[in-house]
Amino acid sequence: QVQLVESGGGLVQAGGSLRLSCTASGRTLSNSAMGWFRQAPGKEREFVAAISPNGGSTVYADSVKGRFAISRDNVKNTVSLEMKSLKPEDTALYHCAADVRIVGGRADFGSWGQGTQVTVSS
């Protein structure tokens, strides 16, 4: 079983930046595609970004493309999400996910963490 712990969330003004981090324990994730999902109150879970096991390939939701950047460090077993030009609509609970799969345009995952709250004020 993998445990994922997110950190780095907070309150930021529109246009600001945040960097989320996710630390994994329980097993190495060097063979796992990792990603970030988010969920706002009253809304469905939304895929944000994913990164291949070796970090050579990334995928982003259209809503964050050009503003967010996902990266990973397989030595430290961590995944990060750099978020810039934040908008109020980015407000959500952000979850790190392991064993991410994207099939037919739909993203799914094997495990995810408890999440870290990101709130963007206008």
Protein backbone atom coordinates (compact mmCIF):
# COMPACT_ATOMS: atom_id res chain seq x y z
CA GLN A 1 0.00 0.00 0.00
CA VAL A 2 1.26 3.43 -0.88
CA GLN A 3 0.67 6.43 1.32
CA LEU A 4 0.57 9.85 -0.32
CA VAL A 5 0.83 13.06 1.69
CA GLU A 6 0.29 16.43 0.06
CA SER A 7 1.49 19.81 1.27
CA GLY A 8 1.87 23.36 0.05
CA GLY A 9 -1.72 24.48 -0.25
CA GLY A 10 -2.97 27.77 1.08
CA LEU A 11 -4.74 31.04 0.40
CA VAL A 12 -3.45 33.16 -2.46
CA GLN A 13 -4.72 36.11 -4.45
CA ALA A 14 -5.67 35.74 -8.07
CA GLY A 15 -2.57 35.90 -10.24
CA GLY A 16 -0.42 34.41 -7.52
CA SER A 17 1.54 31.18 -7.35
CA LEU A 18 1.75 28.07 -5.22
CA ARG A 19 3.83 24.93 -5.27
CA LEU A 20 2.24 21.69 -4.13
CA SER A 21 4.32 18.73 -3.06
CA CYS A 22 3.46 15.08 -2.58
CA THR A 23 5.59 12.61 -0.67
CA ALA A 24 5.04 8.91 -1.13
CA SER A 25 5.87 6.10 1.24
CA GLY A 26 5.18 2.41 1.40
CA ARG A 27 6.62 1.57 -2.00
CA THR A 28 8.73 3.11 -4.68
CA LEU A 29 6.78 4.93 -7.34
CA SER A 30 9.48 5.01 -9.99
CA ASN A 31 7.39 2.68 -12.16
CA SER A 32 4.12 4.53 -11.61
CA ALA A 33 2.58 7.36 -13.57
CA MET A 34 1.73 10.06 -11.03
CA GLY A 35 -0.72 12.90 -11.17
CA TRP A 36 -2.85 15.52 -9.52
CA PHE A 37 -6.62 15.72 -9.33
CA ARG A 38 -8.79 18.36 -7.70
CA GLN A 39 -12.29 18.62 -6.37
CA ALA A 40 -14.22 21.75 -5.55
CA PRO A 41 -17.28 21.72 -3.26
CA GLY A 42 -20.33 20.53 -5.14
CA LYS A 43 -18.33 19.60 -8.22
CA GLU A 44 -17.01 16.36 -9.64
CA ARG A 45 -13.41 15.33 -9.31
CA GLU A 46 -11.30 16.85 -12.09
CA PHE A 47 -8.06 15.66 -13.61
CA VAL A 48 -5.32 18.30 -13.44
CA ALA A 49 -2.02 16.83 -14.62
CA ALA A 50 -0.07 13.60 -14.95
CA ILE A 51 3.56 12.63 -15.47
CA SER A 52 5.06 9.42 -16.83
CA PRO A 53 7.22 7.16 -14.65
CA ASN A 54 10.50 8.57 -15.98
CA GLY A 55 9.21 12.14 -16.10
CA GLY A 56 9.66 12.39 -19.83
CA SER A 57 6.00 12.90 -20.67
CA THR A 58 3.35 15.13 -19.12
CA VAL A 59 -0.35 15.69 -19.71
CA TYR A 60 -2.46 18.63 -18.55
CA ALA A 61 -6.11 19.51 -18.41
CA ASP A 62 -6.93 22.30 -20.86
CA SER A 63 -7.99 24.51 -17.95
CA VAL A 64 -4.46 24.57 -16.48
CA LYS A 65 -2.28 24.18 -19.58
CA GLY A 66 0.40 26.84 -19.70
CA ARG A 67 -0.08 27.78 -16.04
CA PHE A 68 0.69 24.57 -14.14
CA ALA A 69 3.76 22.34 -14.34
CA ILE A 70 4.09 18.86 -12.89
CA SER A 71 7.44 17.32 -12.02
CA ARG A 72 8.80 14.38 -10.08
CA ASP A 73 11.89 13.20 -8.24
CA ASN A 74 12.10 9.41 -8.25
CA VAL A 75 15.03 9.43 -5.84
CA LYS A 76 13.05 11.32 -3.21
CA ASN A 77 9.76 9.63 -4.20
CA THR A 78 8.05 12.99 -4.60
CA VAL A 79 5.79 14.71 -7.11
CA SER A 80 5.25 18.45 -7.35
CA LEU A 81 2.80 20.79 -9.00
CA GLU A 82 3.92 24.33 -9.72
CA MET A 83 0.89 26.58 -10.15
CA LYS A 84 1.12 30.10 -11.58
CA SER A 85 -1.40 32.74 -12.64
CA LEU A 86 -3.92 31.21 -10.29
CA LYS A 87 -7.59 31.98 -10.80
CA PRO A 88 -10.52 31.80 -8.38
CA GLU A 89 -11.83 28.82 -10.34
CA ASP A 90 -8.67 26.91 -9.35
CA THR A 91 -9.97 26.82 -5.79
CA ALA A 92 -10.29 23.17 -4.75
CA LEU A 93 -8.89 20.35 -2.68
CA TYR A 94 -5.89 19.05 -4.61
CA HIS A 95 -5.04 15.36 -4.39
CA CYS A 96 -1.86 13.61 -5.41
CA ALA A 97 -2.47 10.29 -7.16
CA ALA A 98 -0.44 7.20 -7.99
CA ASP A 99 -0.85 4.65 -10.78
CA VAL A 100 -2.60 7.17 -12.98
CA ARG A 101 -4.09 5.88 -16.21
CA ILE A 102 -5.59 7.87 -19.05
CA VAL A 103 -7.77 5.79 -21.31
CA GLY A 104 -10.12 7.16 -23.90
CA GLY A 105 -9.69 10.67 -22.58
CA ARG A 106 -10.63 9.66 -19.06
CA ALA A 107 -8.13 9.76 -16.21
CA ASP A 108 -8.23 7.36 -13.30
CA PHE A 109 -5.83 6.31 -10.54
CA GLY A 110 -5.00 3.58 -8.10
CA SER A 111 -4.37 5.56 -4.91
CA TRP A 112 -4.67 9.12 -3.79
CA GLY A 113 -3.86 11.21 -0.74
CA GLN A 114 -6.06 13.22 1.61
CA GLY A 115 -5.44 16.41 -0.30
CA THR A 116 -4.28 19.96 0.34
CA GLN A 117 -6.62 22.94 0.07
CA VAL A 118 -5.93 25.68 -2.44
CA THR A 119 -8.03 28.82 -2.18
CA VAL A 120 -7.67 31.64 -4.69
CA SER A 121 -9.30 34.94 -3.80
CA SER A 122 -10.43 37.42 -6.42
